[in-house]
Amino acid sequence: MIAFPWSEANLLFAAPLLLAAALLACAVWLLAGRAFITLLASRLREPIVSDSPTVARLHAAKAATPTMGGLGILAAWLLGVFLFGDFADSTLILNILIAVALAAVGAYDDLQKIRTRRGISRRRKLLLQTAIALPLAAALAYLVDADPHSLAWRIPLALAAIVGCSNAVNLTDGLDGLAGGCSLIAAAALAVLAVVAGQGNAALACGALAGSLAGFLVWNRHPAKLFMGDTGSLAIGGLLAAIAVTLRLEWLLVVIGG
């Protein structure tokens, strides 16, 4: 693991590491994407379920498309972060835990969809997201600002941002390349803001995510050969929000994600 140095003195060294993390995450998809899709296609195919006969007919051709591509997005992102991140920074660890925990909720929902064609209920999904995000959001808010008066509103705001953004990306994931493309733009925007704020690990996390999403879009652009599923959308949304909380820019999520 290479520690990510970040200060005005070593900016020229840190910037290439950010780029390297993004390129590495993208390269993982370019080199292993086809094999990954073949593996998923053998077991995990997206069921097309809609109350509208017209929508069901229009999307019928996608019924055999592999899902849970979020596993690959997360794996490629984690590789870049593990190689170049500085794990002395506890906020980076919490960002990883939030992404992985929400990916687990998404994977559970995806597997239920494959088995039952309906997945878990919206209420149950929201309860799971909230139960998982609450302690992690509280810990992240505390690391950002330990002042008791600030925590009284930072914790609810962090929780709302993580759960809300997670569901926002989930709702956006309906057309080929839509959620991935929008999330790529959001990750790039947050990376720039993290650079301006001098938050090296946050910038690195955003760069690696942008790279992973760019590689994923090679396979997810129309006609999509792979879907991210809830595994990807819940994790990506939660991660973007967690990074915004780290940067104290929760309010900008509405603009960046809009």
Protein backbone atom coordinates (compact mmCIF):
# COMPACT_ATOMS: atom_id res chain seq x y z
CA MET A 1 0.00 0.00 0.00
CA ILE A 2 1.28 3.44 -0.98
CA ALA A 3 0.36 6.21 1.46
CA PHE A 4 -1.35 9.11 -0.28
CA PRO A 5 0.65 12.27 0.53
CA TRP A 6 -1.26 15.51 0.37
CA SER A 7 0.11 18.94 1.02
CA GLU A 8 1.16 21.92 -1.04
CA ALA A 9 4.76 20.68 -0.89
CA ASN A 10 4.09 17.30 -2.49
CA LEU A 11 1.07 18.15 -4.65
CA LEU A 12 2.96 17.21 -7.83
CA PHE A 13 3.53 13.72 -6.37
CA ALA A 14 0.02 13.28 -5.02
CA ALA A 15 -1.81 14.24 -8.22
CA PRO A 16 -0.30 11.38 -10.27
CA LEU A 17 -1.37 8.92 -7.57
CA LEU A 18 -4.95 10.15 -7.92
CA LEU A 19 -4.74 9.63 -11.67
CA ALA A 20 -3.10 6.23 -11.19
CA ALA A 21 -5.94 5.06 -8.93
CA ALA A 22 -8.51 6.12 -11.53
CA LEU A 23 -6.64 4.48 -14.41
CA LEU A 24 -6.09 1.29 -12.44
CA ALA A 25 -9.79 0.98 -11.56
CA CYS A 26 -10.73 1.58 -15.19
CA ALA A 27 -8.12 -0.89 -16.45
CA VAL A 28 -9.56 -3.63 -14.25
CA TRP A 29 -12.82 -3.36 -16.19
CA LEU A 30 -11.12 -3.20 -19.57
CA LEU A 31 -9.01 -6.28 -18.86
CA ALA A 32 -11.39 -8.42 -16.83
CA GLY A 33 -14.83 -7.06 -17.75
CA ARG A 34 -15.71 -9.70 -20.33
CA ALA A 35 -14.72 -12.58 -18.06
CA PHE A 36 -16.64 -11.00 -15.18
CA ILE A 37 -19.77 -10.66 -17.32
CA THR A 38 -19.49 -14.28 -18.43
CA LEU A 39 -19.25 -15.36 -14.79
CA LEU A 40 -22.32 -13.37 -13.77
CA ALA A 41 -24.29 -14.49 -16.83
CA SER A 42 -24.06 -18.10 -15.71
CA ARG A 43 -26.03 -17.41 -12.52
CA LEU A 44 -27.23 -13.84 -12.13
CA ARG A 45 -29.58 -12.50 -14.80
CA GLU A 46 -31.80 -9.45 -14.38
CA PRO A 47 -35.54 -10.22 -14.21
CA ILE A 48 -37.63 -7.55 -15.96
CA VAL A 49 -40.69 -6.79 -13.83
CA SER A 50 -43.08 -3.91 -14.47
CA ASP A 51 -46.73 -3.13 -13.80
CA SER A 52 -46.85 -1.53 -17.25
CA PRO A 53 -47.24 -4.01 -20.15
CA THR A 54 -45.67 -1.45 -22.49
CA VAL A 55 -42.55 -1.03 -20.34
CA ALA A 56 -42.29 -4.80 -19.89
CA ARG A 57 -42.48 -5.28 -23.67
CA LEU A 58 -39.91 -2.58 -24.44
CA HIS A 59 -37.44 -4.02 -21.92
CA ALA A 60 -38.11 -7.69 -22.63
CA ALA A 61 -34.86 -8.04 -24.57
CA LYS A 62 -32.90 -7.11 -21.43
CA ALA A 63 -34.24 -10.04 -19.42
CA ALA A 64 -31.12 -12.12 -20.05
CA THR A 65 -28.67 -9.34 -19.12
CA PRO A 66 -26.40 -10.17 -16.16
CA THR A 67 -26.89 -8.07 -13.05
CA MET A 68 -24.98 -7.29 -9.83
CA GLY A 69 -22.24 -5.53 -11.80
CA GLY A 70 -21.85 -3.37 -8.71
CA LEU A 71 -19.62 -6.12 -7.34
CA GLY A 72 -17.12 -5.30 -10.08
CA ILE A 73 -17.47 -1.55 -9.57
CA LEU A 74 -16.78 -1.98 -5.87
CA ALA A 75 -13.87 -4.38 -6.42
CA ALA A 76 -12.10 -2.13 -8.93
CA TRP A 77 -12.65 0.90 -6.68
CA LEU A 78 -11.34 -0.93 -3.62
CA LEU A 79 -8.22 -2.02 -5.49
CA GLY A 80 -7.33 1.58 -6.31
CA VAL A 81 -8.08 2.76 -2.78
CA PHE A 82 -6.17 -0.06 -1.09
CA LEU A 83 -3.07 0.48 -3.22
CA PHE A 84 -2.89 4.26 -2.93
CA GLY A 85 -4.93 5.24 0.13
CA ASP A 86 -3.61 6.30 3.51
CA PHE A 87 -5.43 4.17 6.09
CA ALA A 88 -4.22 6.30 8.96
CA ASP A 89 -7.22 8.42 7.94
CA SER A 90 -10.25 6.98 9.73
CA THR A 91 -12.69 8.78 7.45
CA LEU A 92 -11.40 6.69 4.52
CA ILE A 93 -12.08 3.50 6.46
CA LEU A 94 -15.61 4.65 7.26
CA ASN A 95 -16.24 5.55 3.62
CA ILE A 96 -15.22 2.01 2.67
CA LEU A 97 -17.43 0.47 5.35
CA ILE A 98 -20.43 2.52 4.21
CA ALA A 99 -19.98 1.48 0.58
CA VAL A 100 -19.48 -2.20 1.41
CA ALA A 101 -22.39 -2.30 3.89
CA LEU A 102 -24.83 -0.73 1.43
CA ALA A 103 -23.55 -2.99 -1.33
CA ALA A 104 -24.48 -5.93 0.92
CA VAL A 105 -28.04 -4.58 1.24
CA GLY A 106 -28.19 -4.16 -2.53
CA ALA A 107 -26.84 -7.65 -3.13
CA TYR A 108 -29.49 -9.09 -0.82
CA ASP A 109 -32.18 -7.26 -2.78
CA ASP A 110 -30.73 -8.34 -6.14
CA LEU A 111 -30.61 -11.99 -5.10
CA GLN A 112 -34.20 -11.80 -3.90
CA LYS A 113 -35.24 -10.30 -7.25
CA ILE A 114 -33.56 -13.16 -9.09
CA ARG A 115 -35.23 -15.76 -6.88
CA THR A 116 -38.69 -14.21 -6.43
CA ARG A 117 -38.80 -11.55 -9.23
CA ARG A 118 -39.90 -8.95 -6.67
CA GLY A 119 -37.04 -8.41 -4.27
CA ILE A 120 -37.43 -7.10 -0.75
CA SER A 121 -40.11 -4.53 0.07
CA ARG A 122 -39.28 -0.81 -0.08
CA ARG A 123 -39.95 -0.48 3.62
CA ARG A 124 -37.63 -3.33 4.52
CA LYS A 125 -34.91 -1.98 2.26
CA LEU A 126 -35.19 1.49 3.83
CA LEU A 127 -35.06 0.03 7.33
CA LEU A 128 -31.95 -1.98 6.47
CA GLN A 129 -30.26 1.05 4.93
CA THR A 130 -31.07 3.22 7.94
CA ALA A 131 -30.01 0.61 10.51
CA ILE A 132 -26.68 0.09 8.75
CA ALA A 133 -26.01 3.75 7.95
CA LEU A 134 -26.91 5.25 11.35
CA PRO A 135 -23.86 4.11 13.39
CA LEU A 136 -21.49 4.69 10.47
CA ALA A 137 -22.95 8.13 9.73
CA ALA A 138 -22.69 9.04 13.41
CA ALA A 139 -19.04 7.95 13.54
CA LEU A 140 -18.23 9.86 10.36
CA ALA A 141 -19.98 13.00 11.61
CA TYR A 142 -18.03 12.75 14.87
CA LEU A 143 -14.70 12.52 13.01
CA VAL A 144 -15.62 15.52 10.89
CA ASP A 145 -16.72 17.68 13.82
CA ALA A 146 -16.74 16.38 17.42
CA ASP A 147 -18.44 19.48 18.84
CA PRO A 148 -21.60 18.25 20.66
CA HIS A 149 -23.68 21.16 19.39
CA SER A 150 -22.69 20.41 15.80
CA LEU A 151 -23.30 16.68 16.18
CA ALA A 152 -26.92 17.36 17.10
CA TRP A 153 -27.57 18.31 13.47
CA ARG A 154 -24.60 16.75 11.67
CA ILE A 155 -25.59 13.16 12.50
CA PRO A 156 -29.18 13.46 11.18
CA LEU A 157 -27.89 15.33 8.14
CA ALA A 158 -25.23 12.70 7.44
CA LEU A 159 -27.77 9.90 7.82
CA ALA A 160 -30.26 11.64 5.53
CA ALA A 161 -27.56 12.31 2.95
CA ILE A 162 -26.27 8.71 2.89
CA VAL A 163 -29.69 7.02 2.81
CA GLY A 164 -31.19 9.63 0.48
CA CYS A 165 -28.34 9.64 -2.03
CA SER A 166 -28.20 5.85 -1.95
CA ASN A 167 -31.86 5.67 -2.95
CA ALA A 168 -31.49 8.49 -5.47
CA VAL A 169 -28.88 6.57 -7.46
CA ASN A 170 -31.01 3.44 -7.10
CA LEU A 171 -33.99 5.25 -8.65
CA THR A 172 -31.80 6.67 -11.43
CA ASP A 173 -30.67 3.19 -12.44
CA GLY A 174 -33.27 2.48 -15.10
CA LEU A 175 -31.70 3.11 -18.50
CA ASP A 176 -28.43 1.91 -20.01
CA GLY A 177 -25.55 4.05 -18.76
CA LEU A 178 -27.76 6.52 -16.89
CA ALA A 179 -26.85 5.85 -13.24
CA GLY A 180 -23.23 5.10 -14.11
CA GLY A 181 -22.84 8.26 -16.19
CA CYS A 182 -24.50 10.54 -13.64
CA SER A 183 -22.47 9.01 -10.81
CA LEU A 184 -19.26 9.44 -12.80
CA ILE A 185 -19.95 13.16 -13.19
CA ALA A 186 -20.76 13.46 -9.47
CA ALA A 187 -17.58 11.59 -8.48
CA ALA A 188 -15.47 13.84 -10.72
CA ALA A 189 -17.07 16.97 -9.26
CA LEU A 190 -16.45 15.79 -5.70
CA ALA A 191 -12.86 14.92 -6.63
CA VAL A 192 -12.26 18.51 -7.72
CA LEU A 193 -13.83 19.84 -4.52
CA ALA A 194 -11.72 17.45 -2.45
CA VAL A 195 -8.58 18.68 -4.19
CA VAL A 196 -9.53 22.29 -3.46
CA ALA A 197 -10.16 21.35 0.19
CA GLY A 198 -6.82 19.53 0.42
CA GLN A 199 -8.55 16.25 1.34
CA GLY A 200 -6.26 13.73 -0.33
CA ASN A 201 -8.00 10.50 0.61
CA ALA A 202 -11.42 11.86 -0.34
CA ALA A 203 -10.00 12.96 -3.69
CA LEU A 204 -8.42 9.54 -4.15
CA ALA A 205 -11.70 7.75 -3.35
CA CYS A 206 -13.56 9.92 -5.87
CA GLY A 207 -10.89 9.42 -8.52
CA ALA A 208 -10.89 5.64 -8.12
CA LEU A 209 -14.70 5.61 -8.22
CA ALA A 210 -14.75 7.73 -11.37
CA GLY A 211 -12.24 5.37 -12.99
CA SER A 212 -14.22 2.29 -12.00
CA LEU A 213 -17.44 3.82 -13.34
CA ALA A 214 -15.74 4.78 -16.60
CA GLY A 215 -14.64 1.18 -17.07
CA PHE A 216 -18.09 -0.11 -16.13
CA LEU A 217 -19.74 2.16 -18.70
CA VAL A 218 -17.79 0.42 -21.46
CA TRP A 219 -20.02 -2.58 -20.78
CA ASN A 220 -23.12 -0.73 -19.55
CA ARG A 221 -23.58 1.68 -22.46
CA HIS A 222 -26.45 0.92 -24.84
CA PRO A 223 -27.06 -1.89 -25.51
CA ALA A 224 -25.98 -2.84 -21.99
CA LYS A 225 -24.14 -6.11 -21.53
CA LEU A 226 -24.24 -5.73 -17.75
CA PHE A 227 -26.34 -3.98 -15.09
CA MET A 228 -24.96 -2.63 -11.82
CA GLY A 229 -28.06 -3.74 -9.89
CA ASP A 230 -28.92 -2.50 -6.43
CA THR A 231 -25.52 -3.86 -5.39
CA GLY A 232 -23.93 -1.02 -7.29
CA SER A 233 -26.49 1.77 -7.03
CA LEU A 234 -26.92 1.65 -3.25
CA ALA A 235 -23.16 1.48 -2.68
CA ILE A 236 -22.32 4.27 -5.11
CA GLY A 237 -24.95 6.64 -3.75
CA GLY A 238 -23.95 5.97 -0.16
CA LEU A 239 -20.27 6.43 -0.98
CA LEU A 240 -20.80 9.74 -2.78
CA ALA A 241 -22.79 11.00 0.20
CA ALA A 242 -20.19 9.76 2.69
CA ILE A 243 -17.47 11.63 0.81
CA ALA A 244 -19.64 14.77 0.78
CA VAL A 245 -20.07 14.41 4.55
CA THR A 246 -16.30 14.05 4.91
CA LEU A 247 -15.86 17.30 2.95
CA ARG A 248 -18.70 19.00 4.89
CA LEU A 249 -20.49 19.54 1.59
CA GLU A 250 -23.68 17.57 2.18
CA TRP A 251 -25.78 20.46 0.96
CA LEU A 252 -24.06 20.43 -2.44
CA LEU A 253 -25.25 16.88 -3.15
CA VAL A 254 -28.51 18.33 -4.41
CA VAL A 255 -26.61 20.44 -6.96
CA ILE A 256 -23.99 17.85 -7.90
CA GLY A 257 -26.50 15.03 -8.18
CA GLY A 258 -29.18 17.16 -9.81
